[in-house]
């Protein structure tokens, strides 16, 4: 179905960045009603075998042993130095684990997984077998319940395999917007069928542009901007998923960082003057450079510029007054406690 979206190349895909209705309409659909994203570019790996849990405990930094059938967790893979190879969601089902990764990192991740593979673990790259749509917003459950009754009792960060149109698909209560939402993994044919049903119900299609704004208002990291192999989980504010009880790859360097203290921290900041912070803009404390913006945008909810950036340790405390250099002018800003906006529907 032709929706006249503005397309941009991304990780080998043509991705919709914006639909004709515009970003404001897309934004309001997610924050006030329901909208959907085609995110079929994401990658998927499957892990099985008697040593699968042991392997994933070594490969990822969260505690895999806490997973049970239908449970998901956010995690990352680190290199030997503790740098972030990728961030991911890991699901456990009865007979296997299902990992969802970033599209731009599929080949790199596949190489890393196989380089560290242990015996009695089978790994499959299923990235070409799955398509994915995300249905997000406070009315997402009400919209989906006539198609999938299972959404009514699906808890946050839980998933279920269900039968749909002759195949097993995955229905997951996850998302990248901070709102109540669901993600559906299925074959391309079935994703297209579900997409068209949702369109017929008036669900607003949304593009990458508004997705970036929505995730930034929640301080959700974007790989390649806010995290990469030069950053580690502790300075990126991901200590809450870092389980030091397990001997994951990169743990020794992270232990040293934890013991010696961090050099920098990822912070959320809000401009107090009109302007938009952009990636690469410098952050100042008086006349001293203390950091750099890694993501920035204009918040439609706050009607001001917001950003994420790394600042030197000691300047990262909530309420710290800073400035951002934009077109040779320093604009006043303040470090805030994320998220930028308060949401109520996520845990509904």
Protein backbone atom coordinates (compact mmCIF):
# COMPACT_ATOMS: atom_id res chain seq x y z
CA UNK A 1 0.00 0.00 0.00
CA UNK A 2 1.43 3.37 -1.06
CA UNK A 3 1.44 5.85 1.83
CA UNK A 4 3.78 8.41 0.23
CA UNK A 5 6.26 8.32 3.08
CA UNK A 6 9.54 10.17 2.76
CA UNK A 7 12.13 7.39 2.56
CA UNK A 8 15.79 7.45 3.51
CA UNK A 9 18.45 4.73 3.17
CA UNK A 10 19.41 3.08 6.45
CA UNK A 11 21.43 -0.11 7.05
CA UNK A 12 20.59 -1.42 3.59
CA UNK A 13 16.87 -0.62 3.90
CA UNK A 14 14.66 2.17 2.59
CA UNK A 15 13.13 3.47 5.80
CA UNK A 16 10.20 5.88 6.25
CA UNK A 17 11.43 8.99 8.07
CA UNK A 18 8.09 10.81 7.90
CA UNK A 19 4.58 10.33 6.50
CA UNK A 20 2.56 13.07 4.74
CA UNK A 21 0.57 13.94 7.88
CA UNK A 22 3.78 15.24 9.46
CA UNK A 23 5.79 14.62 12.60
CA UNK A 24 3.43 16.56 14.89
CA UNK A 25 0.50 14.33 13.91
CA UNK A 26 2.65 11.22 14.32
CA UNK A 27 3.86 12.45 17.72
CA UNK A 28 0.36 13.11 19.02
CA UNK A 29 -0.80 9.70 17.84
CA UNK A 30 1.82 8.00 20.02
CA UNK A 31 1.54 10.23 23.07
CA UNK A 32 -2.28 10.56 23.04
CA UNK A 33 -3.73 7.68 21.01
CA UNK A 34 -1.98 4.95 18.98
CA UNK A 35 0.53 4.82 16.14
CA UNK A 36 2.73 2.21 14.51
CA UNK A 37 6.22 1.83 13.12
CA UNK A 38 7.61 -0.56 10.54
CA UNK A 39 10.94 -1.56 12.10
CA UNK A 40 11.55 -4.69 10.04
CA UNK A 41 15.17 -3.66 9.58
CA UNK A 42 16.02 -4.94 13.09
CA UNK A 43 18.06 -8.14 13.34
CA UNK A 44 17.17 -11.38 15.11
CA UNK A 45 19.39 -14.21 16.37
CA UNK A 46 18.24 -17.48 17.92
CA UNK A 47 20.22 -19.47 20.52
CA UNK A 48 19.48 -23.04 21.60
CA UNK A 49 21.26 -26.06 23.05
CA UNK A 50 22.18 -27.19 26.55
CA UNK A 51 24.84 -24.48 27.00
CA UNK A 52 22.80 -21.59 25.57
CA UNK A 53 22.19 -19.91 28.92
CA UNK A 54 25.82 -20.27 29.94
CA UNK A 55 26.96 -18.77 26.66
CA UNK A 56 24.55 -15.82 26.84
CA UNK A 57 25.59 -15.18 30.44
CA UNK A 58 29.10 -14.71 29.10
CA UNK A 59 28.03 -12.77 26.00
CA UNK A 60 25.67 -10.23 27.61
CA UNK A 61 25.93 -8.14 30.78
CA UNK A 62 22.46 -8.65 32.31
CA UNK A 63 21.58 -11.73 34.40
CA UNK A 64 20.23 -14.24 31.88
CA UNK A 65 19.34 -16.68 34.66
CA UNK A 66 16.48 -14.37 35.68
CA UNK A 67 14.67 -15.05 32.41
CA UNK A 68 11.84 -17.56 32.17
CA UNK A 69 9.49 -18.64 29.40
CA UNK A 70 8.00 -15.50 27.89
CA UNK A 71 10.21 -13.02 29.76
CA UNK A 72 12.39 -10.39 28.08
CA UNK A 73 15.28 -8.24 29.29
CA UNK A 74 17.23 -5.28 27.98
CA UNK A 75 20.97 -5.89 27.78
CA UNK A 76 24.16 -5.16 25.86
CA UNK A 77 27.13 -7.07 24.49
CA UNK A 78 30.55 -5.68 25.37
CA UNK A 79 33.96 -6.13 23.82
CA UNK A 80 37.02 -7.10 25.86
CA UNK A 81 37.56 -3.49 26.91
CA UNK A 82 33.97 -3.09 28.13
CA UNK A 83 32.92 -1.02 25.11
CA UNK A 84 29.38 -1.57 23.87
CA UNK A 85 29.21 -3.74 20.76
CA UNK A 86 25.42 -3.42 20.65
CA UNK A 87 22.37 -3.01 22.85
CA UNK A 88 19.63 -5.60 22.53
CA UNK A 89 16.52 -7.27 23.87
CA UNK A 90 16.82 -10.93 24.85
CA UNK A 91 13.73 -13.15 25.12
CA UNK A 92 13.50 -16.62 26.57
CA UNK A 93 11.04 -19.14 25.21
CA UNK A 94 10.57 -22.75 26.21
CA UNK A 95 13.27 -24.22 23.97
CA UNK A 96 15.38 -21.24 22.90
CA UNK A 97 16.50 -17.63 23.36
CA UNK A 98 15.57 -14.91 20.87
CA UNK A 99 17.80 -11.84 20.55
CA UNK A 100 16.79 -8.60 18.81
CA UNK A 101 19.64 -6.34 17.71
CA UNK A 102 20.26 -3.17 15.73
CA UNK A 103 20.17 -3.42 11.95
CA UNK A 104 23.46 -1.62 11.40
CA UNK A 105 25.24 -4.14 13.64
CA UNK A 106 23.90 -7.45 12.31
CA UNK A 107 27.09 -8.53 10.50
CA UNK A 108 29.38 -7.29 13.28
CA UNK A 109 27.29 -9.03 15.94
CA UNK A 110 27.11 -12.28 13.99
CA UNK A 111 30.89 -12.32 13.69
CA UNK A 112 31.31 -11.57 17.41
CA UNK A 113 28.85 -14.28 18.47
CA UNK A 114 30.57 -16.91 16.37
CA UNK A 115 34.04 -15.84 17.48
CA UNK A 116 33.05 -16.49 21.10
CA UNK A 117 30.78 -19.49 20.55
CA UNK A 118 31.13 -22.47 22.91
CA UNK A 119 30.22 -26.12 22.43
CA UNK A 120 26.64 -27.35 22.61
CA UNK A 121 25.16 -24.04 21.48
CA UNK A 122 23.35 -23.63 18.17
CA UNK A 123 23.03 -20.13 16.76
CA UNK A 124 20.85 -19.01 13.86
CA UNK A 125 20.73 -15.65 12.13
CA UNK A 126 17.00 -15.21 11.45
CA UNK A 127 17.18 -11.57 10.43
CA UNK A 128 15.86 -12.30 6.93
CA UNK A 129 13.02 -14.45 8.28
CA UNK A 130 11.33 -11.87 10.50
CA UNK A 131 9.63 -8.56 9.93
CA UNK A 132 8.61 -6.34 12.82
CA UNK A 133 6.05 -3.68 13.60
CA UNK A 134 5.67 -1.68 16.80
CA UNK A 135 2.22 -0.48 17.90
CA UNK A 136 2.64 2.21 20.53
CA UNK A 137 0.50 4.60 22.54
CA UNK A 138 -2.05 4.64 25.37
CA UNK A 139 -4.71 3.10 23.12
CA UNK A 140 -2.46 0.38 21.68
CA UNK A 141 -3.97 -2.39 23.80
CA UNK A 142 -7.54 -1.42 22.94
CA UNK A 143 -6.62 -1.32 19.25
CA UNK A 144 -4.95 -4.73 19.23
CA UNK A 145 -7.32 -6.69 21.45
CA UNK A 146 -9.76 -7.42 18.61
CA UNK A 147 -6.92 -9.05 16.65
CA UNK A 148 -4.91 -10.56 19.52
CA UNK A 149 -6.84 -11.12 22.74
CA UNK A 150 -3.54 -12.09 24.40
CA UNK A 151 -2.56 -8.41 24.74
CA UNK A 152 -4.98 -8.06 27.66
CA UNK A 153 -2.88 -10.12 30.07
CA UNK A 154 0.59 -9.48 28.63
CA UNK A 155 2.82 -7.83 31.21
CA UNK A 156 5.56 -5.28 30.54
CA UNK A 157 8.68 -6.90 29.05
CA UNK A 158 6.88 -10.19 28.51
CA UNK A 159 6.15 -11.95 25.24
CA UNK A 160 4.04 -14.81 23.94
CA UNK A 161 4.19 -17.06 20.90
CA UNK A 162 0.79 -17.32 19.25
CA UNK A 163 -0.69 -18.86 16.14
CA UNK A 164 -1.62 -16.44 13.38
CA UNK A 165 -2.48 -17.20 9.78
CA UNK A 166 -0.65 -20.55 9.73
CA UNK A 167 2.52 -19.58 11.58
CA UNK A 168 3.90 -18.94 15.04
CA UNK A 169 4.42 -15.24 15.66
CA UNK A 170 5.80 -13.37 18.66
CA UNK A 171 3.68 -10.79 20.44
CA UNK A 172 5.75 -8.70 22.84
CA UNK A 173 4.92 -5.88 25.22
CA UNK A 174 7.95 -3.73 24.51
CA UNK A 175 8.79 -0.56 22.62
CA UNK A 176 11.06 2.44 22.18
CA UNK A 177 8.67 5.29 23.00
CA UNK A 178 8.02 5.11 26.74
CA UNK A 179 4.31 4.59 26.13
CA UNK A 180 2.22 1.47 26.53
CA UNK A 181 3.04 -0.56 23.44
CA UNK A 182 3.51 -3.87 21.71
CA UNK A 183 5.85 -5.32 19.08
CA UNK A 184 4.96 -8.12 16.66
CA UNK A 185 7.55 -10.41 15.03
CA UNK A 186 6.34 -12.45 12.07
CA UNK A 187 7.04 -13.26 8.43
CA UNK A 188 6.91 -10.39 5.97
CA UNK A 189 3.60 -11.61 4.52
CA UNK A 190 1.87 -11.73 7.89
CA UNK A 191 3.33 -8.42 9.06
CA UNK A 192 1.94 -6.83 5.92
CA UNK A 193 -1.49 -8.33 6.65
CA UNK A 194 -1.44 -7.05 10.23
CA UNK A 195 -0.21 -3.63 9.10
CA UNK A 196 -3.07 -3.30 6.61
CA UNK A 197 -5.65 -4.34 9.22
CA UNK A 198 -4.31 -1.69 11.58
CA UNK A 199 -4.36 0.92 8.83
CA UNK A 200 -8.03 0.08 8.20
CA UNK A 201 -8.67 0.77 11.91
CA UNK A 202 -7.18 4.23 11.54
CA UNK A 203 -3.82 3.60 13.23
CA UNK A 204 -1.37 6.33 12.27
CA UNK A 205 1.84 5.13 10.55
CA UNK A 206 4.93 6.82 11.99
CA UNK A 207 8.50 7.27 10.77
CA UNK A 208 12.04 7.33 12.09
CA UNK A 209 11.94 11.08 12.70
CA UNK A 210 9.30 10.97 15.40
CA UNK A 211 10.70 7.71 16.78
CA UNK A 212 13.96 9.51 17.48
CA UNK A 213 12.13 12.33 19.26
CA UNK A 214 10.03 9.93 21.34
CA UNK A 215 13.00 7.86 22.49
CA UNK A 216 15.02 10.97 23.31
CA UNK A 217 12.28 12.32 25.58
CA UNK A 218 12.74 9.08 27.56
CA UNK A 219 16.56 9.18 27.47
CA UNK A 220 16.63 5.87 25.59
CA UNK A 221 20.04 5.38 24.02
CA UNK A 222 20.52 5.14 20.25
CA UNK A 223 23.42 3.00 19.09
CA UNK A 224 25.86 5.02 17.01
CA UNK A 225 24.89 8.26 18.74
CA UNK A 226 24.77 7.76 22.50
CA UNK A 227 26.52 4.39 22.78
CA UNK A 228 29.13 2.55 20.73
CA UNK A 229 32.36 0.64 21.26
CA UNK A 230 34.05 3.75 22.67
CA UNK A 231 31.49 3.99 25.49
CA UNK A 232 30.87 1.59 28.33
CA UNK A 233 27.57 0.73 30.08
CA UNK A 234 28.46 2.49 33.34
CA UNK A 235 29.13 5.90 31.83
CA UNK A 236 26.07 5.45 29.59
CA UNK A 237 23.85 5.10 32.67
CA UNK A 238 23.30 1.37 32.17
CA UNK A 239 24.65 0.13 35.48
CA UNK A 240 21.12 -1.09 36.26
CA UNK A 241 21.52 -3.87 33.67
CA UNK A 242 25.16 -4.64 34.53
CA UNK A 243 25.38 -7.78 36.68
CA UNK A 244 28.85 -8.00 38.22
CA UNK A 245 28.16 -11.47 39.61
CA UNK A 246 28.62 -12.99 36.16
CA UNK A 247 31.86 -13.27 34.20
CA UNK A 248 30.70 -11.57 31.02
CA UNK A 249 33.11 -10.38 28.36
CA UNK A 250 34.55 -6.98 29.35
CA UNK A 251 33.77 -7.25 33.05
CA UNK A 252 37.34 -6.67 34.25
CA UNK A 253 37.59 -3.23 32.71
CA UNK A 254 34.12 -2.30 33.99
CA UNK A 255 35.15 -3.37 37.49
CA UNK A 256 38.15 -1.05 37.24
CA UNK A 257 35.92 1.80 36.09
CA UNK A 258 33.54 1.15 38.96
CA UNK A 259 36.39 1.07 41.45
CA UNK A 260 38.36 4.05 40.13
CA UNK A 261 35.41 6.23 39.20
CA UNK A 262 34.09 7.32 35.81
CA UNK A 263 35.69 10.01 33.67
CA UNK A 264 32.36 11.05 32.16
CA UNK A 265 28.62 10.46 32.39
CA UNK A 266 25.72 10.55 29.95
CA UNK A 267 23.24 13.26 31.01
CA UNK A 268 19.90 14.66 29.91
CA UNK A 269 19.83 18.42 29.41
CA UNK A 270 17.22 21.02 28.60
CA UNK A 271 17.92 24.36 26.95
CA UNK A 272 16.70 27.45 28.77
CA UNK A 273 16.98 29.57 25.62
CA UNK A 274 15.61 29.04 22.13
CA UNK A 275 17.71 26.61 20.11
CA UNK A 276 18.27 22.95 19.27
CA UNK A 277 21.35 21.07 20.48
CA UNK A 278 22.77 18.78 17.80
CA UNK A 279 25.24 15.90 17.78
CA UNK A 280 28.78 17.22 18.14
CA UNK A 281 27.90 20.55 19.78
CA UNK A 282 30.16 21.35 22.73
CA UNK A 283 28.97 21.62 26.33
CA UNK A 284 30.50 24.27 28.60
CA UNK A 285 30.75 25.15 32.26
CA UNK A 286 31.50 28.86 32.07
CA UNK A 287 34.45 28.98 29.63
CA UNK A 288 35.56 25.38 30.08
CA UNK A 289 34.58 22.60 27.68
CA UNK A 290 33.15 19.77 29.77
CA UNK A 291 31.48 17.57 27.18
CA UNK A 292 29.67 17.09 23.90
CA UNK A 293 26.11 16.52 22.68
CA UNK A 294 25.47 13.06 21.22
CA UNK A 295 21.70 13.42 20.50
CA UNK A 296 19.47 16.48 20.35
CA UNK A 297 16.08 17.66 19.13
CA UNK A 298 13.16 19.99 19.75
CA UNK A 299 10.76 18.47 22.26
CA UNK A 300 7.17 18.90 21.14
CA UNK A 301 5.93 18.27 24.68
CA UNK A 302 8.22 20.83 26.34
CA UNK A 303 8.52 23.23 23.39
CA UNK A 304 12.25 23.59 23.92
CA UNK A 305 15.51 22.04 22.83
CA UNK A 306 16.58 18.90 24.64
CA UNK A 307 19.68 16.76 24.35
CA UNK A 308 21.77 13.90 25.61
CA UNK A 309 25.47 14.33 26.06
CA UNK A 310 28.55 13.13 27.88
CA UNK A 311 30.05 15.51 30.45
CA UNK A 312 33.08 15.23 32.69
CA UNK A 313 32.50 13.57 36.03
CA UNK A 314 31.55 16.18 38.63
CA UNK A 315 29.42 18.20 36.21
CA UNK A 316 26.72 15.55 35.80
CA UNK A 317 24.56 16.24 38.84
CA UNK A 318 20.89 17.10 38.43
CA UNK A 319 20.34 20.86 38.40
CA UNK A 320 23.86 21.72 37.21
CA UNK A 321 23.82 24.88 35.08
CA UNK A 322 25.72 24.51 31.82
CA UNK A 323 25.71 26.00 28.33
CA UNK A 324 25.72 24.56 24.81
CA UNK A 325 27.60 26.18 21.94
CA UNK A 326 25.23 26.64 18.99
CA UNK A 327 26.43 28.68 16.00
CA UNK A 328 29.17 30.34 18.05
CA UNK A 329 26.72 31.36 20.76
CA UNK A 330 26.52 29.74 24.17
CA UNK A 331 22.94 29.00 25.18
CA UNK A 332 22.06 28.35 28.80
CA UNK A 333 20.94 24.86 29.73
CA UNK A 334 20.38 22.72 32.80
CA UNK A 335 20.95 19.04 33.51
CA UNK A 336 17.68 17.35 34.47
CA UNK A 337 16.55 14.02 35.84
CA UNK A 338 15.19 11.90 32.97
CA UNK A 339 12.77 11.23 31.48
CA UNK A 340 12.07 14.67 30.07
CA UNK A 341 8.31 14.16 30.34
CA UNK A 342 6.17 12.21 32.78
CA UNK A 343 4.25 9.24 31.38
CA UNK A 344 1.55 7.13 32.97
CA UNK A 345 0.56 4.57 30.36
CA UNK A 346 3.73 2.43 30.19
CA UNK A 347 2.84 0.20 33.14
CA UNK A 348 -0.93 0.28 32.63
